[in-house]
Amino acid sequence: MTSAPRRLQAELAALTTEAFRPELAEIDRLPTLDIARLMNGEDAGVPAAVSARLPEIAAAIDAVAERMARGGRLVYAGAGTAGRLGVLDASECPPTFNTDPAQVVGLIAGGPEAMVTSVEGAEDSRELAGRDLDALKLTPDDTVVGVSASGRTPYAVGAVEHARALGALTIGLACNEHSALAAAAEHGIEVVVGPELITGSTRLKAGTAQKLVLNMLSTITMIRLGKTYGNLMVDVRASNEKLRARSRRIVALATGASDEEIERALTESGGAVKCAILTVLAGVDGPTAARLLEESGGHLRAALAIAGT
C-alpha cells in the first residue's frame, strides 16, 4: 500500500463516524425485529446531537437571512449522500416557499448524474467545487454551505474555501469534531452522532442529522424572510390540485372567512395566498394588497400593520 492510501486509511480510522463497534459485529445473525429495534434506538439519539448545536445553527441562520434579505442566495455543496440531501432541500423550497429556483441551489460533486449514480473521483476534487461555484457567479450576499459527514470531503471543503475567498458567507456542516470543513467556514456546525450501526455508512445517523439541520437552515431562514404567517405557508405555490386545496385551507385558517370570500379573494389576487389573506383581513382590493406587500418586503404582518389592521 502506497503512502497516500495508507494516510487516508489512517484519517478515516480516526473519525467517529467511521468507528467500528465490536458489540454489533454479529447483528446479521439477529432476528429482523431485533435489528429494527437497534436501528430505531440509534436514530433516537440524533435529535439530541442536533440540539447540542442549536446556538451555532441559530447564529448561522441569522447570518443567512440577513444576506438573503439583500437578494443573496443559499447554496449547498456536498458529495454523495450529503450532496443529495442538499439538492433535496433546495428543490423543495420553490413549491413550499415560492422561491425562485435560483435562490436556493444544491450542488453535488459530479453534477445531476451523481444524484442517482456514483461519479467516481468527483468528491475528491476541490477544483471541481470551485468551477461549480464560479458558474453561479457568487457575490458577498450569497451563502455557501459545505455538507460532509466526515468533515474532510475535498469537494465540500474546497467549496467553502473558494466561497470564503470570494467574500461569500460560509457554513460547514459535519458530523465529526475538529473537522477541516468546520474550521474552513465562518460558521462551523459539528453534529456528532457517533459511530454508525453499519460501520462507515453515513447515510444513516449522519444523514439524518444533516437532513434535520438543512431543514432548519432553509425553513427558519424563510420564516425570517416573511415566507410564513405564523406557521402557515403563505407563499406556497399552487401548482397542482393538492396545493390549490392547501391554499384555500391556509386562507381559511388565517382569516376564518367563508368559502365564498376565500374563492373571491384568491381569484382577485391571482391565486397568491398572501394577497388573498391581506384582502380579507385588511378589507382592500387585490392591487392594493400587492402594493402593501411590496412596501413591506413581502412580510404579511408588516403589510397588515401598514394597512392599520
C-alpha atoms as a PDB file:
ATOM      1  CA  MET A   1       0.000   0.000   0.000  1.00  0.00           C
ATOM      2  CA  THR A   2       1.425   3.383  -1.006  1.00  0.00           C
ATOM      3  CA  SER A   3       1.688   6.264   1.447  1.00  0.00           C
ATOM      4  CA  ALA A   4      -1.386   8.199   0.177  1.00  0.00           C
ATOM      5  CA  PRO A   5      -3.895   5.328   0.629  1.00  0.00           C
ATOM      6  CA  ARG A   6      -2.301   4.469   3.958  1.00  0.00           C
ATOM      7  CA  ARG A   7      -2.659   8.081   5.103  1.00  0.00           C
ATOM      8  CA  LEU A   8      -6.294   8.185   4.003  1.00  0.00           C
ATOM      9  CA  GLN A   9      -6.991   4.925   5.822  1.00  0.00           C
ATOM     10  CA  ALA A  10      -5.489   6.379   8.991  1.00  0.00           C
ATOM     11  CA  GLU A  11      -7.577   9.549   8.618  1.00  0.00           C
ATOM     12  CA  LEU A  12     -10.782   7.558   8.254  1.00  0.00           C
ATOM     13  CA  ALA A  13      -9.936   5.299  11.183  1.00  0.00           C
ATOM     14  CA  ALA A  14      -9.654   8.368  13.411  1.00  0.00           C
ATOM     15  CA  LEU A  15     -13.166   9.614  12.558  1.00  0.00           C
ATOM     16  CA  THR A  16     -16.040   8.978  14.955  1.00  0.00           C
ATOM     17  CA  THR A  17     -18.382   8.369  12.017  1.00  0.00           C
ATOM     18  CA  GLU A  18     -16.105   5.568  10.770  1.00  0.00           C
ATOM     19  CA  ALA A  19     -15.549   3.798  14.112  1.00  0.00           C
ATOM     20  CA  PHE A  20     -16.116   0.038  14.307  1.00  0.00           C
ATOM     21  CA  ARG A  21     -18.439  -1.228  17.036  1.00  0.00           C
ATOM     22  CA  PRO A  22     -17.464  -4.752  18.135  1.00  0.00           C
ATOM     23  CA  GLU A  23     -20.714  -5.197  20.070  1.00  0.00           C
ATOM     24  CA  LEU A  24     -22.597  -5.096  16.747  1.00  0.00           C
ATOM     25  CA  ALA A  25     -20.295  -7.483  14.905  1.00  0.00           C
ATOM     26  CA  GLU A  26     -22.957 -10.199  14.692  1.00  0.00           C
ATOM     27  CA  ILE A  27     -26.123  -8.202  14.037  1.00  0.00           C
ATOM     28  CA  ASP A  28     -26.580 -10.111  10.794  1.00  0.00           C
ATOM     29  CA  ARG A  29     -27.416 -13.146  12.944  1.00  0.00           C
ATOM     30  CA  LEU A  30     -30.179 -11.368  14.869  1.00  0.00           C
ATOM     31  CA  PRO A  31     -33.909 -11.600  14.104  1.00  0.00           C
ATOM     32  CA  THR A  32     -35.140  -8.776  11.848  1.00  0.00           C
ATOM     33  CA  LEU A  33     -37.223  -7.226  14.620  1.00  0.00           C
ATOM     34  CA  ASP A  34     -34.182  -7.005  16.900  1.00  0.00           C
ATOM     35  CA  ILE A  35     -32.151  -5.273  14.185  1.00  0.00           C
ATOM     36  CA  ALA A  36     -35.021  -2.845  13.616  1.00  0.00           C
ATOM     37  CA  ARG A  37     -35.127  -2.077  17.352  1.00  0.00           C
ATOM     38  CA  LEU A  38     -31.379  -1.489  17.395  1.00  0.00           C
ATOM     39  CA  MET A  39     -31.570   0.838  14.414  1.00  0.00           C
ATOM     40  CA  ASN A  40     -34.523   2.728  15.835  1.00  0.00           C
ATOM     41  CA  GLY A  41     -32.670   3.173  19.097  1.00  0.00           C
ATOM     42  CA  GLU A  42     -29.657   4.549  17.241  1.00  0.00           C
ATOM     43  CA  ASP A  43     -31.811   7.050  15.359  1.00  0.00           C
ATOM     44  CA  ALA A  44     -33.447   8.243  18.580  1.00  0.00           C
ATOM     45  CA  GLY A  45     -30.200   9.887  19.660  1.00  0.00           C
ATOM     46  CA  VAL A  46     -29.869  12.097  16.587  1.00  0.00           C
ATOM     47  CA  PRO A  47     -32.185  14.956  17.695  1.00  0.00           C
ATOM     48  CA  ALA A  48     -30.221  15.314  20.951  1.00  0.00           C
ATOM     49  CA  ALA A  49     -26.988  15.665  18.975  1.00  0.00           C
ATOM     50  CA  VAL A  50     -28.607  18.373  16.856  1.00  0.00           C
ATOM     51  CA  SER A  51     -29.953  20.064  19.993  1.00  0.00           C
ATOM     52  CA  ALA A  52     -26.412  20.424  21.326  1.00  0.00           C
ATOM     53  CA  ARG A  53     -25.575  22.603  18.314  1.00  0.00           C
ATOM     54  CA  LEU A  54     -28.665  24.836  18.251  1.00  0.00           C
ATOM     55  CA  PRO A  55     -26.801  28.051  19.208  1.00  0.00           C
ATOM     56  CA  GLU A  56     -24.412  27.581  16.263  1.00  0.00           C
ATOM     57  CA  ILE A  57     -27.302  26.703  13.950  1.00  0.00           C
ATOM     58  CA  ALA A  58     -29.301  29.779  15.018  1.00  0.00           C
ATOM     59  CA  ALA A  59     -26.318  32.099  14.517  1.00  0.00           C
ATOM     60  CA  ALA A  60     -25.771  30.695  11.039  1.00  0.00           C
ATOM     61  CA  ILE A  61     -29.452  31.128  10.143  1.00  0.00           C
ATOM     62  CA  ASP A  62     -29.488  34.778  11.224  1.00  0.00           C
ATOM     63  CA  ALA A  63     -26.427  35.430   9.070  1.00  0.00           C
ATOM     64  CA  VAL A  64     -28.012  33.668   6.075  1.00  0.00           C
ATOM     65  CA  ALA A  65     -31.319  35.520   6.439  1.00  0.00           C
ATOM     66  CA  GLU A  66     -29.562  38.884   6.614  1.00  0.00           C
ATOM     67  CA  ARG A  67     -27.863  38.233   3.292  1.00  0.00           C
ATOM     68  CA  MET A  68     -30.857  36.666   1.576  1.00  0.00           C
ATOM     69  CA  ALA A  69     -32.919  39.715   2.538  1.00  0.00           C
ATOM     70  CA  ARG A  70     -30.471  41.687   0.378  1.00  0.00           C
ATOM     71  CA  GLY A  71     -31.013  39.324  -2.549  1.00  0.00           C
ATOM     72  CA  GLY A  72     -28.383  36.701  -1.755  1.00  0.00           C
ATOM     73  CA  ARG A  73     -28.639  33.008  -2.494  1.00  0.00           C
ATOM     74  CA  LEU A  74     -28.300  29.898  -0.341  1.00  0.00           C
ATOM     75  CA  VAL A  75     -26.036  27.280  -1.947  1.00  0.00           C
ATOM     76  CA  TYR A  76     -25.445  23.759  -0.623  1.00  0.00           C
ATOM     77  CA  ALA A  77     -22.354  21.866  -1.753  1.00  0.00           C
ATOM     78  CA  GLY A  78     -21.578  18.239  -0.977  1.00  0.00           C
ATOM     79  CA  ALA A  79     -20.790  14.811  -2.357  1.00  0.00           C
ATOM     80  CA  GLY A  80     -22.699  11.532  -2.177  1.00  0.00           C
ATOM     81  CA  THR A  81     -25.441  11.421   0.452  1.00  0.00           C
ATOM     82  CA  ALA A  82     -24.550  14.886   1.749  1.00  0.00           C
ATOM     83  CA  GLY A  83     -24.807  16.358  -1.740  1.00  0.00           C
ATOM     84  CA  ARG A  84     -28.112  14.612  -2.405  1.00  0.00           C
ATOM     85  CA  LEU A  85     -29.573  15.968   0.822  1.00  0.00           C
ATOM     86  CA  GLY A  86     -28.577  19.493  -0.200  1.00  0.00           C
ATOM     87  CA  VAL A  87     -30.169  19.090  -3.626  1.00  0.00           C
ATOM     88  CA  LEU A  88     -33.316  17.694  -1.984  1.00  0.00           C
ATOM     89  CA  ASP A  89     -33.630  20.608   0.428  1.00  0.00           C
ATOM     90  CA  ALA A  90     -33.033  23.150  -2.337  1.00  0.00           C
ATOM     91  CA  SER A  91     -35.542  21.527  -4.697  1.00  0.00           C
ATOM     92  CA  GLU A  92     -38.301  21.655  -2.083  1.00  0.00           C
ATOM     93  CA  CYS A  93     -38.018  25.408  -1.454  1.00  0.00           C
ATOM     94  CA  PRO A  94     -39.797  26.644  -4.638  1.00  0.00           C
ATOM     95  CA  PRO A  95     -43.056  24.697  -4.072  1.00  0.00           C
ATOM     96  CA  THR A  96     -43.028  25.321  -0.309  1.00  0.00           C
ATOM     97  CA  PHE A  97     -41.959  28.968  -0.154  1.00  0.00           C
ATOM     98  CA  ASN A  98     -42.406  30.151  -3.752  1.00  0.00           C
ATOM     99  CA  THR A  99     -38.711  30.922  -4.042  1.00  0.00           C
ATOM    100  CA  ASP A 100     -37.052  31.338  -7.409  1.00  0.00           C
ATOM    101  CA  PRO A 101     -35.249  28.061  -8.308  1.00  0.00           C
ATOM    102  CA  ALA A 102     -32.011  30.059  -8.442  1.00  0.00           C
ATOM    103  CA  GLN A 103     -32.445  31.376  -4.885  1.00  0.00           C
ATOM    104  CA  VAL A 104     -31.684  28.093  -3.084  1.00  0.00           C
ATOM    105  CA  VAL A 105     -29.290  25.870  -5.023  1.00  0.00           C
ATOM    106  CA  GLY A 106     -27.931  22.385  -4.406  1.00  0.00           C
ATOM    107  CA  LEU A 107     -24.550  21.429  -5.885  1.00  0.00           C
ATOM    108  CA  ILE A 108     -23.461  17.799  -5.846  1.00  0.00           C
ATOM    109  CA  ALA A 109     -19.991  16.613  -6.826  1.00  0.00           C
ATOM    110  CA  GLY A 110     -20.304  15.080 -10.278  1.00  0.00           C
ATOM    111  CA  GLY A 111     -23.415  17.043 -11.265  1.00  0.00           C
ATOM    112  CA  PRO A 112     -27.020  15.840 -11.721  1.00  0.00           C
ATOM    113  CA  GLU A 113     -25.873  12.340 -12.726  1.00  0.00           C
ATOM    114  CA  ALA A 114     -24.473  11.895  -9.218  1.00  0.00           C
ATOM    115  CA  MET A 115     -27.974  12.114  -7.727  1.00  0.00           C
ATOM    116  CA  VAL A 116     -28.653   8.540  -8.829  1.00  0.00           C
ATOM    117  CA  THR A 117     -25.251   7.021  -9.587  1.00  0.00           C
ATOM    118  CA  SER A 118     -21.777   7.249  -8.111  1.00  0.00           C
ATOM    119  CA  VAL A 119     -19.465   9.567 -10.058  1.00  0.00           C
ATOM    120  CA  GLU A 120     -16.003   8.242  -9.250  1.00  0.00           C
ATOM    121  CA  GLY A 121     -13.455  10.746  -8.049  1.00  0.00           C
ATOM    122  CA  ALA A 122     -15.758  13.772  -8.060  1.00  0.00           C
ATOM    123  CA  GLU A 123     -15.813  14.111  -4.279  1.00  0.00           C
ATOM    124  CA  ASP A 124     -12.009  14.245  -4.191  1.00  0.00           C
ATOM    125  CA  SER A 125     -11.778  17.413  -6.293  1.00  0.00           C
ATOM    126  CA  ARG A 126     -11.526  20.833  -4.655  1.00  0.00           C
ATOM    127  CA  GLU A 127     -11.052  22.318  -8.114  1.00  0.00           C
ATOM    128  CA  LEU A 128     -14.385  20.912  -9.297  1.00  0.00           C
ATOM    129  CA  ALA A 129     -16.117  22.669  -6.392  1.00  0.00           C
ATOM    130  CA  GLY A 130     -14.502  25.942  -7.407  1.00  0.00           C
ATOM    131  CA  ARG A 131     -15.640  25.541 -11.006  1.00  0.00           C
ATOM    132  CA  ASP A 132     -19.192  24.686  -9.951  1.00  0.00           C
ATOM    133  CA  LEU A 133     -19.355  27.793  -7.740  1.00  0.00           C
ATOM    134  CA  ASP A 134     -17.790  30.043 -10.366  1.00  0.00           C
ATOM    135  CA  ALA A 135     -20.612  29.083 -12.709  1.00  0.00           C
ATOM    136  CA  LEU A 136     -23.002  30.674 -10.189  1.00  0.00           C
ATOM    137  CA  LYS A 137     -21.035  33.955 -10.101  1.00  0.00           C
ATOM    138  CA  LEU A 138     -21.036  34.229  -6.311  1.00  0.00           C
ATOM    139  CA  THR A 139     -21.445  37.580  -4.561  1.00  0.00           C
ATOM    140  CA  PRO A 140     -20.765  38.606  -0.932  1.00  0.00           C
ATOM    141  CA  ASP A 141     -24.522  38.348  -0.272  1.00  0.00           C
ATOM    142  CA  ASP A 142     -24.524  34.634  -1.103  1.00  0.00           C
ATOM    143  CA  THR A 143     -24.066  31.807   1.402  1.00  0.00           C
ATOM    144  CA  VAL A 144     -22.330  28.502   0.676  1.00  0.00           C
ATOM    145  CA  VAL A 145     -22.986  25.557   2.988  1.00  0.00           C
ATOM    146  CA  GLY A 146     -20.459  22.754   2.710  1.00  0.00           C
ATOM    147  CA  VAL A 147     -22.009  19.459   3.836  1.00  0.00           C
ATOM    148  CA  SER A 148     -19.912  16.396   4.693  1.00  0.00           C
ATOM    149  CA  ALA A 149     -20.401  13.712   7.328  1.00  0.00           C
ATOM    150  CA  SER A 150     -16.665  13.176   7.693  1.00  0.00           C
ATOM    151  CA  GLY A 151     -15.910  16.884   7.555  1.00  0.00           C
ATOM    152  CA  ARG A 152     -12.935  16.167   5.295  1.00  0.00           C
ATOM    153  CA  THR A 153     -14.509  15.649   1.849  1.00  0.00           C
ATOM    154  CA  PRO A 154     -12.359  17.700  -0.553  1.00  0.00           C
ATOM    155  CA  TYR A 155     -15.332  18.865  -2.660  1.00  0.00           C
ATOM    156  CA  ALA A 156     -17.165  20.298   0.379  1.00  0.00           C
ATOM    157  CA  VAL A 157     -14.050  21.794   1.968  1.00  0.00           C
ATOM    158  CA  GLY A 158     -12.961  23.217  -1.382  1.00  0.00           C
ATOM    159  CA  ALA A 159     -16.376  24.791  -1.909  1.00  0.00           C
ATOM    160  CA  VAL A 160     -16.242  26.554   1.451  1.00  0.00           C
ATOM    161  CA  GLU A 161     -12.659  27.739   0.971  1.00  0.00           C
ATOM    162  CA  HIS A 162     -13.407  29.030  -2.540  1.00  0.00           C
ATOM    163  CA  ALA A 163     -16.598  30.793  -1.455  1.00  0.00           C
ATOM    164  CA  ARG A 164     -14.923  32.405   1.534  1.00  0.00           C
ATOM    165  CA  ALA A 165     -12.123  33.722  -0.659  1.00  0.00           C
ATOM    166  CA  LEU A 166     -14.784  35.406  -2.799  1.00  0.00           C
ATOM    167  CA  GLY A 167     -16.345  37.076   0.249  1.00  0.00           C
ATOM    168  CA  ALA A 168     -19.461  34.891   0.495  1.00  0.00           C
ATOM    169  CA  LEU A 169     -20.781  33.711   3.860  1.00  0.00           C
ATOM    170  CA  THR A 170     -19.702  30.139   4.589  1.00  0.00           C
ATOM    171  CA  ILE A 171     -21.127  27.365   6.772  1.00  0.00           C
ATOM    172  CA  GLY A 172     -19.539  23.973   7.347  1.00  0.00           C
ATOM    173  CA  LEU A 173     -21.864  21.138   8.417  1.00  0.00           C
ATOM    174  CA  ALA A 174     -20.078  17.983   9.573  1.00  0.00           C
ATOM    175  CA  CYS A 175     -20.616  15.032  11.909  1.00  0.00           C
ATOM    176  CA  ASN A 176     -17.135  14.842  13.439  1.00  0.00           C
ATOM    177  CA  GLU A 177     -15.439  17.190  15.868  1.00  0.00           C
ATOM    178  CA  HIS A 178     -12.382  19.248  14.884  1.00  0.00           C
ATOM    179  CA  SER A 179     -13.233  18.865  11.207  1.00  0.00           C
ATOM    180  CA  ALA A 180     -11.423  20.624   8.390  1.00  0.00           C
ATOM    181  CA  LEU A 181     -14.805  21.684   6.985  1.00  0.00           C
ATOM    182  CA  ALA A 182     -15.959  23.491  10.128  1.00  0.00           C
ATOM    183  CA  ALA A 183     -12.535  25.078  10.537  1.00  0.00           C
ATOM    184  CA  ALA A 184     -12.641  26.426   6.974  1.00  0.00           C
ATOM    185  CA  ALA A 185     -16.068  28.061   7.422  1.00  0.00           C
ATOM    186  CA  GLU A 186     -17.143  31.173   9.291  1.00  0.00           C
ATOM    187  CA  HIS A 187     -19.909  29.142  10.902  1.00  0.00           C
ATOM    188  CA  GLY A 188     -18.923  25.594  11.823  1.00  0.00           C
ATOM    189  CA  ILE A 189     -21.696  23.183  12.834  1.00  0.00           C
ATOM    190  CA  GLU A 190     -20.479  19.779  14.023  1.00  0.00           C
ATOM    191  CA  VAL A 191     -23.319  17.409  14.918  1.00  0.00           C
ATOM    192  CA  VAL A 192     -21.617  14.370  16.435  1.00  0.00           C
ATOM    193  CA  VAL A 193     -23.965  11.394  16.260  1.00  0.00           C
ATOM    194  CA  GLY A 194     -21.358   8.724  16.959  1.00  0.00           C
ATOM    195  CA  PRO A 195     -20.429   5.545  15.063  1.00  0.00           C
ATOM    196  CA  GLU A 196     -23.000   4.099  12.684  1.00  0.00           C
ATOM    197  CA  LEU A 197     -24.879   0.825  13.059  1.00  0.00           C
ATOM    198  CA  ILE A 198     -23.170  -0.298   9.845  1.00  0.00           C
ATOM    199  CA  THR A 199     -19.558   0.846  10.048  1.00  0.00           C
ATOM    200  CA  GLY A 200     -18.982   3.934   7.927  1.00  0.00           C
ATOM    201  CA  SER A 201     -22.497   4.037   6.434  1.00  0.00           C
ATOM    202  CA  THR A 202     -23.037   7.751   6.994  1.00  0.00           C
ATOM    203  CA  ARG A 203     -26.321   7.726   5.077  1.00  0.00           C
ATOM    204  CA  LEU A 204     -27.769   6.574   8.425  1.00  0.00           C
ATOM    205  CA  LYS A 205     -27.446   8.716  11.596  1.00  0.00           C
ATOM    206  CA  ALA A 206     -25.149  11.259   9.995  1.00  0.00           C
ATOM    207  CA  GLY A 207     -27.505  11.617   7.034  1.00  0.00           C
ATOM    208  CA  THR A 208     -30.480  12.045   9.360  1.00  0.00           C
ATOM    209  CA  ALA A 209     -28.634  14.720  11.329  1.00  0.00           C
ATOM    210  CA  GLN A 210     -27.701  16.587   8.152  1.00  0.00           C
ATOM    211  CA  LYS A 211     -31.309  16.470   6.932  1.00  0.00           C
ATOM    212  CA  LEU A 212     -32.537  17.930  10.238  1.00  0.00           C
ATOM    213  CA  VAL A 213     -30.029  20.776  10.142  1.00  0.00           C
ATOM    214  CA  LEU A 214     -30.686  21.577   6.478  1.00  0.00           C
ATOM    215  CA  ASN A 215     -34.413  21.641   7.247  1.00  0.00           C
ATOM    216  CA  MET A 216     -33.678  24.232   9.938  1.00  0.00           C
ATOM    217  CA  LEU A 217     -31.395  26.333   7.763  1.00  0.00           C
ATOM    218  CA  SER A 218     -33.884  26.695   4.927  1.00  0.00           C
ATOM    219  CA  THR A 219     -37.145  26.710   6.894  1.00  0.00           C
ATOM    220  CA  ILE A 220     -36.168  29.165   9.636  1.00  0.00           C
ATOM    221  CA  THR A 221     -34.448  31.416   7.101  1.00  0.00           C
ATOM    222  CA  MET A 222     -37.706  31.514   5.145  1.00  0.00           C
ATOM    223  CA  ILE A 223     -39.622  32.325   8.335  1.00  0.00           C
ATOM    224  CA  ARG A 224     -37.220  35.216   8.944  1.00  0.00           C
ATOM    225  CA  LEU A 225     -37.802  36.391   5.356  1.00  0.00           C
ATOM    226  CA  GLY A 226     -41.569  36.520   5.867  1.00  0.00           C
ATOM    227  CA  LYS A 227     -42.371  33.434   3.840  1.00  0.00           C
ATOM    228  CA  THR A 228     -44.781  32.278   6.543  1.00  0.00           C
ATOM    229  CA  TYR A 229     -47.579  33.884   8.558  1.00  0.00           C
ATOM    230  CA  GLY A 230     -47.386  32.197  11.930  1.00  0.00           C
ATOM    231  CA  ASN A 231     -46.861  28.571  10.939  1.00  0.00           C
ATOM    232  CA  LEU A 232     -48.807  28.868   7.680  1.00  0.00           C
ATOM    233  CA  MET A 233     -47.076  28.537   4.295  1.00  0.00           C
ATOM    234  CA  VAL A 234     -48.491  31.739   2.868  1.00  0.00           C
ATOM    235  CA  ASP A 235     -46.039  31.758  -0.055  1.00  0.00           C
ATOM    236  CA  VAL A 236     -46.947  28.237  -1.189  1.00  0.00           C
ATOM    237  CA  ARG A 237     -47.056  27.874  -4.962  1.00  0.00           C
ATOM    238  CA  ALA A 238     -50.379  26.337  -6.015  1.00  0.00           C
ATOM    239  CA  SER A 239     -49.062  24.304  -8.936  1.00  0.00           C
ATOM    240  CA  ASN A 240     -51.408  21.319  -8.615  1.00  0.00           C
ATOM    241  CA  GLU A 241     -54.836  20.471  -7.233  1.00  0.00           C
ATOM    242  CA  LYS A 242     -53.492  19.412  -3.839  1.00  0.00           C
ATOM    243  CA  LEU A 243     -51.667  22.712  -3.431  1.00  0.00           C
ATOM    244  CA  ARG A 244     -54.695  24.670  -4.623  1.00  0.00           C
ATOM    245  CA  ALA A 245     -56.743  22.956  -1.923  1.00  0.00           C
ATOM    246  CA  ARG A 246     -53.979  23.725   0.583  1.00  0.00           C
ATOM    247  CA  SER A 247     -54.033  27.384  -0.490  1.00  0.00           C
ATOM    248  CA  ARG A 248     -57.754  27.622   0.222  1.00  0.00           C
ATOM    249  CA  ARG A 249     -57.241  25.969   3.617  1.00  0.00           C
ATOM    250  CA  ILE A 250     -54.394  28.342   4.521  1.00  0.00           C
ATOM    251  CA  VAL A 251     -56.535  31.388   3.730  1.00  0.00           C
ATOM    252  CA  ALA A 252     -59.339  29.881   5.802  1.00  0.00           C
ATOM    253  CA  LEU A 253     -57.057  29.226   8.772  1.00  0.00           C
ATOM    254  CA  ALA A 254     -55.563  32.722   8.601  1.00  0.00           C
ATOM    255  CA  THR A 255     -58.833  34.615   8.175  1.00  0.00           C
ATOM    256  CA  GLY A 256     -61.779  32.462   9.253  1.00  0.00           C
ATOM    257  CA  ALA A 257     -63.546  33.670   6.097  1.00  0.00           C
ATOM    258  CA  SER A 258     -66.328  31.797   4.325  1.00  0.00           C
ATOM    259  CA  ASP A 259     -65.689  29.613   1.301  1.00  0.00           C
ATOM    260  CA  GLU A 260     -67.215  32.268  -0.935  1.00  0.00           C
ATOM    261  CA  GLU A 261     -64.983  35.018   0.467  1.00  0.00           C
ATOM    262  CA  ILE A 262     -61.923  32.822   0.111  1.00  0.00           C
ATOM    263  CA  GLU A 263     -62.628  31.956  -3.516  1.00  0.00           C
ATOM    264  CA  ARG A 264     -63.271  35.624  -4.291  1.00  0.00           C
ATOM    265  CA  ALA A 265     -60.078  36.734  -2.574  1.00  0.00           C
ATOM    266  CA  LEU A 266     -57.944  34.089  -4.303  1.00  0.00           C
ATOM    267  CA  THR A 267     -59.450  34.950  -7.676  1.00  0.00           C
ATOM    268  CA  GLU A 268     -58.860  38.668  -7.150  1.00  0.00           C
ATOM    269  CA  SER A 269     -55.259  38.037  -6.082  1.00  0.00           C
ATOM    270  CA  GLY A 270     -54.480  35.639  -8.920  1.00  0.00           C
ATOM    271  CA  GLY A 271     -54.112  32.718  -6.517  1.00  0.00           C
ATOM    272  CA  ALA A 272     -51.495  34.474  -4.351  1.00  0.00           C
ATOM    273  CA  VAL A 273     -52.224  33.314  -0.802  1.00  0.00           C
ATOM    274  CA  LYS A 274     -50.580  36.295   0.927  1.00  0.00           C
ATOM    275  CA  CYS A 275     -52.559  38.768  -1.153  1.00  0.00           C
ATOM    276  CA  ALA A 276     -55.769  36.854  -0.570  1.00  0.00           C
ATOM    277  CA  ILE A 277     -55.274  36.915   3.208  1.00  0.00           C
ATOM    278  CA  LEU A 278     -54.495  40.629   3.101  1.00  0.00           C
ATOM    279  CA  THR A 279     -57.569  41.437   1.025  1.00  0.00           C
ATOM    280  CA  VAL A 280     -59.758  39.664   3.571  1.00  0.00           C
ATOM    281  CA  LEU A 281     -58.126  40.877   6.794  1.00  0.00           C
ATOM    282  CA  ALA A 282     -57.413  44.445   5.667  1.00  0.00           C
ATOM    283  CA  GLY A 283     -60.504  44.863   3.512  1.00  0.00           C
ATOM    284  CA  VAL A 284     -58.511  46.037   0.482  1.00  0.00           C
ATOM    285  CA  ASP A 285     -58.596  45.034  -3.167  1.00  0.00           C
ATOM    286  CA  GLY A 286     -56.028  42.809  -4.886  1.00  0.00           C
ATOM    287  CA  PRO A 287     -53.830  45.563  -6.377  1.00  0.00           C
ATOM    288  CA  THR A 288     -53.720  47.418  -3.041  1.00  0.00           C
ATOM    289  CA  ALA A 289     -52.775  44.202  -1.246  1.00  0.00           C
ATOM    290  CA  ALA A 290     -49.969  43.596  -3.741  1.00  0.00           C
ATOM    291  CA  ARG A 291     -48.668  47.151  -3.229  1.00  0.00           C
ATOM    292  CA  LEU A 292     -48.744  46.829   0.556  1.00  0.00           C
ATOM    293  CA  LEU A 293     -46.804  43.572   0.390  1.00  0.00           C
ATOM    294  CA  GLU A 294     -44.214  45.133  -1.888  1.00  0.00           C
ATOM    295  CA  GLU A 295     -43.807  48.060   0.526  1.00  0.00           C
ATOM    296  CA  SER A 296     -43.351  45.635   3.435  1.00  0.00           C
ATOM    297  CA  GLY A 297     -40.756  43.483   1.694  1.00  0.00           C
ATOM    298  CA  GLY A 298     -43.183  40.586   1.425  1.00  0.00           C
ATOM    299  CA  HIS A 299     -43.845  40.360   5.187  1.00  0.00           C
ATOM    300  CA  LEU A 300     -47.576  39.834   5.719  1.00  0.00           C
ATOM    301  CA  ARG A 301     -47.591  41.034   9.320  1.00  0.00           C
ATOM    302  CA  ALA A 302     -45.825  44.232   8.300  1.00  0.00           C
ATOM    303  CA  ALA A 303     -48.300  44.765   5.449  1.00  0.00           C
ATOM    304  CA  LEU A 304     -51.208  44.327   7.882  1.00  0.00           C
ATOM    305  CA  ALA A 305     -49.608  46.887  10.186  1.00  0.00           C
ATOM    306  CA  ILE A 306     -49.282  49.376   7.307  1.00  0.00           C
ATOM    307  CA  ALA A 307     -52.942  48.781   6.484  1.00  0.00           C
ATOM    308  CA  GLY A 308     -53.817  49.533  10.104  1.00  0.00           C
ATOM    309  CA  THR A 309     -55.130  46.057  10.856  1.00  0.00           C
END
